């Protein structure tokens, strides 16, 4: 992925994580029944994917991450 696509994906994932966090923090309505969408696990998936995009963005900017063994 190039730099533009990585930044766009990171922004979308961050917005989705905030939306899922907001929806998961709302009080449940007993009259409507149980929630059918698991908002908090979806938020965590978005946060993990956002962190992966951040690492990829840092790698695109020239910083080497990962296992750096020197002999």
N, C-alpha and C. Protein backbone atom coordinates (compact mmCIF):
# COMPACT_ATOMS: atom_id res chain seq x y z
N UNK A 1 0.84 -1.17 0.00
CA UNK A 1 0.00 0.00 0.00
C UNK A 1 0.89 1.24 0.00
N UNK A 2 0.47 2.24 -0.71
CA UNK A 2 1.25 3.47 -0.73
C UNK A 2 0.86 4.35 0.46
N UNK A 3 1.50 5.52 0.54
CA UNK A 3 1.32 6.40 1.68
C UNK A 3 -0.11 6.93 1.78
N UNK A 4 -0.69 7.32 0.67
CA UNK A 4 -2.04 7.89 0.67
C UNK A 4 -3.08 6.86 1.11
N UNK A 5 -2.98 5.67 0.61
CA UNK A 5 -3.94 4.62 0.98
C UNK A 5 -3.78 4.23 2.45
N UNK A 6 -2.56 4.23 2.94
CA UNK A 6 -2.33 3.89 4.35
C UNK A 6 -2.92 4.94 5.26
N UNK A 7 -2.73 6.21 4.94
CA UNK A 7 -3.29 7.28 5.76
C UNK A 7 -4.82 7.24 5.71
N UNK A 8 -5.38 7.02 4.54
CA UNK A 8 -6.84 6.95 4.41
C UNK A 8 -7.40 5.77 5.22
N UNK A 9 -6.74 4.62 5.14
CA UNK A 9 -7.20 3.46 5.91
C UNK A 9 -7.09 3.71 7.41
N UNK A 10 -6.02 4.37 7.84
CA UNK A 10 -5.85 4.67 9.26
C UNK A 10 -6.93 5.62 9.75
N UNK A 11 -7.27 6.63 8.97
CA UNK A 11 -8.30 7.58 9.37
C UNK A 11 -9.66 6.88 9.44
N UNK A 12 -9.98 6.06 8.45
CA UNK A 12 -11.26 5.34 8.46
C UNK A 12 -11.34 4.39 9.65
N UNK A 13 -10.26 3.68 9.94
CA UNK A 13 -10.27 2.75 11.07
C UNK A 13 -10.40 3.49 12.40
N UNK A 14 -9.76 4.66 12.51
CA UNK A 14 -9.89 5.44 13.73
C UNK A 14 -11.32 5.93 13.91
N UNK A 15 -11.94 6.40 12.84
CA UNK A 15 -13.33 6.85 12.93
C UNK A 15 -14.27 5.70 13.27
N UNK A 16 -14.03 4.53 12.68
CA UNK A 16 -14.85 3.37 13.01
C UNK A 16 -14.68 2.94 14.47
N UNK A 17 -13.45 3.02 14.97
CA UNK A 17 -13.20 2.66 16.37
C UNK A 17 -13.92 3.62 17.31
N UNK A 18 -13.89 4.90 16.99
CA UNK A 18 -14.59 5.88 17.82
C UNK A 18 -16.10 5.65 17.76
N UNK A 19 -16.63 5.40 16.58
CA UNK A 19 -18.06 5.14 16.43
C UNK A 19 -18.48 3.89 17.20
N UNK A 20 -17.71 2.82 17.07
CA UNK A 20 -18.05 1.57 17.77
C UNK A 20 -17.92 1.76 19.28
N UNK A 21 -16.93 2.53 19.73
CA UNK A 21 -16.79 2.81 21.15
C UNK A 21 -17.96 3.61 21.69
N UNK A 22 -18.41 4.58 20.91
CA UNK A 22 -19.55 5.39 21.33
C UNK A 22 -20.82 4.55 21.40
N UNK A 23 -21.03 3.70 20.38
CA UNK A 23 -22.23 2.87 20.36
C UNK A 23 -22.19 1.81 21.47
N UNK A 24 -21.00 1.31 21.79
CA UNK A 24 -20.88 0.31 22.84
C UNK A 24 -21.04 0.89 24.23
N UNK A 25 -20.78 2.19 24.39
CA UNK A 25 -20.88 2.82 25.70
C UNK A 25 -22.28 3.32 26.02
N UNK A 26 -23.17 3.32 25.04
CA UNK A 26 -24.53 3.78 25.29
C UNK A 26 -25.26 2.78 26.18
N UNK A 27 -26.12 3.29 27.05
CA UNK A 27 -26.86 2.35 27.92
C UNK A 27 -27.83 1.50 27.10
N UNK A 28 -28.01 0.28 27.55
CA UNK A 28 -28.89 -0.63 26.82
C UNK A 28 -30.35 -0.32 27.15
N UNK A 29 -31.20 -0.52 26.18
CA UNK A 29 -32.63 -0.32 26.35
C UNK A 29 -33.29 -1.69 26.52
N UNK A 30 -33.82 -1.94 27.70
CA UNK A 30 -34.40 -3.24 28.01
C UNK A 30 -35.65 -3.52 27.16
N UNK A 31 -36.37 -2.47 26.83
CA UNK A 31 -37.60 -2.65 26.05
C UNK A 31 -37.31 -3.10 24.62
N UNK A 32 -36.15 -2.70 24.08
CA UNK A 32 -35.79 -3.10 22.72
C UNK A 32 -35.18 -4.50 22.65
N UNK A 33 -34.74 -5.01 23.78
CA UNK A 33 -34.13 -6.33 23.79
C UNK A 33 -32.61 -6.23 23.75
N UNK A 34 -31.94 -7.36 23.56
CA UNK A 34 -30.47 -7.35 23.57
C UNK A 34 -29.90 -6.70 22.31
N UNK A 35 -28.69 -6.21 22.44
CA UNK A 35 -28.00 -5.65 21.29
C UNK A 35 -27.53 -6.79 20.39
N UNK A 36 -27.74 -6.63 19.11
CA UNK A 36 -27.36 -7.69 18.18
C UNK A 36 -25.98 -7.45 17.56
N UNK A 37 -25.46 -6.26 17.72
CA UNK A 37 -24.13 -5.94 17.18
C UNK A 37 -23.15 -5.85 18.35
N UNK A 38 -22.07 -6.62 18.34
CA UNK A 38 -21.10 -6.56 19.43
C UNK A 38 -20.16 -5.36 19.25
N UNK A 39 -20.56 -4.19 19.74
CA UNK A 39 -19.83 -2.96 19.46
C UNK A 39 -18.44 -2.94 20.07
N UNK A 40 -18.28 -3.44 21.27
CA UNK A 40 -16.95 -3.38 21.92
C UNK A 40 -15.92 -4.28 21.25
N UNK A 41 -16.26 -5.52 20.89
CA UNK A 41 -15.27 -6.30 20.14
C UNK A 41 -14.95 -5.69 18.77
N UNK A 42 -15.96 -5.10 18.12
CA UNK A 42 -15.69 -4.42 16.85
C UNK A 42 -14.75 -3.24 17.05
N UNK A 43 -14.91 -2.52 18.15
CA UNK A 43 -14.02 -1.41 18.46
C UNK A 43 -12.58 -1.91 18.62
N UNK A 44 -12.41 -3.03 19.31
CA UNK A 44 -11.07 -3.56 19.53
C UNK A 44 -10.43 -4.02 18.22
N UNK A 45 -11.22 -4.61 17.33
CA UNK A 45 -10.70 -5.02 16.02
C UNK A 45 -10.23 -3.80 15.24
N UNK A 46 -11.02 -2.73 15.28
CA UNK A 46 -10.64 -1.50 14.58
C UNK A 46 -9.38 -0.87 15.18
N UNK A 47 -9.25 -0.93 16.50
CA UNK A 47 -8.07 -0.37 17.15
C UNK A 47 -6.82 -1.16 16.77
N UNK A 48 -6.92 -2.48 16.75
CA UNK A 48 -5.76 -3.31 16.37
C UNK A 48 -5.36 -3.06 14.92
N UNK A 49 -6.35 -2.97 14.03
CA UNK A 49 -6.06 -2.68 12.63
C UNK A 49 -5.48 -1.28 12.47
N UNK A 50 -5.96 -0.32 13.27
CA UNK A 50 -5.41 1.04 13.24
C UNK A 50 -3.94 1.04 13.67
N UNK A 51 -3.62 0.27 14.71
CA UNK A 51 -2.23 0.21 15.15
C UNK A 51 -1.34 -0.43 14.09
N UNK A 52 -1.85 -1.44 13.39
CA UNK A 52 -1.09 -2.03 12.29
C UNK A 52 -0.85 -1.02 11.18
N UNK A 53 -1.85 -0.20 10.89
CA UNK A 53 -1.68 0.85 9.87
C UNK A 53 -0.66 1.88 10.31
N UNK A 54 -0.62 2.19 11.62
CA UNK A 54 0.38 3.13 12.12
C UNK A 54 1.80 2.57 11.96
N UNK A 55 1.97 1.30 12.26
CA UNK A 55 3.28 0.67 12.08
C UNK A 55 3.67 0.66 10.61
N UNK A 56 2.72 0.37 9.74
CA UNK A 56 2.99 0.39 8.31
C UNK A 56 3.34 1.80 7.83
N UNK A 57 2.65 2.79 8.37
CA UNK A 57 2.94 4.18 8.02
C UNK A 57 4.35 4.58 8.46
N UNK A 58 4.74 4.17 9.65
CA UNK A 58 6.09 4.46 10.13
C UNK A 58 7.12 3.77 9.25
N UNK A 59 6.84 2.55 8.83
CA UNK A 59 7.75 1.85 7.92
C UNK A 59 7.85 2.55 6.57
N UNK A 60 6.74 3.07 6.07
CA UNK A 60 6.78 3.80 4.81
C UNK A 60 7.58 5.09 4.91
N UNK A 61 7.61 5.67 6.10
CA UNK A 61 8.37 6.91 6.30
C UNK A 61 9.85 6.66 6.51
N UNK A 62 10.27 5.40 6.54
CA UNK A 62 11.69 5.09 6.57
C UNK A 62 12.23 4.51 7.86
N UNK A 63 11.43 4.41 8.88
CA UNK A 63 11.89 3.84 10.15
C UNK A 63 11.73 2.33 10.08
N UNK A 64 12.79 1.61 10.40
CA UNK A 64 12.73 0.15 10.38
C UNK A 64 12.21 -0.37 11.71
N UNK A 65 11.13 -1.14 11.65
CA UNK A 65 10.60 -1.78 12.86
C UNK A 65 10.73 -3.28 12.69
N UNK A 66 10.57 -3.98 13.77
CA UNK A 66 10.63 -5.43 13.69
C UNK A 66 11.94 -5.96 14.25
N UNK A 67 12.24 -7.19 13.86
CA UNK A 67 13.40 -7.89 14.36
C UNK A 67 14.65 -7.41 13.62
N UNK A 68 15.54 -6.74 14.34
CA UNK A 68 16.75 -6.22 13.73
C UNK A 68 17.95 -6.92 14.38
N UNK A 69 18.38 -8.01 13.77
CA UNK A 69 19.53 -8.72 14.30
C UNK A 69 20.77 -8.28 13.54
N UNK A 70 21.85 -8.08 14.28
CA UNK A 70 23.12 -7.67 13.65
C UNK A 70 24.18 -8.69 14.02
N UNK A 71 24.94 -9.10 13.01
CA UNK A 71 25.98 -10.10 13.25
C UNK A 71 27.32 -9.47 13.09
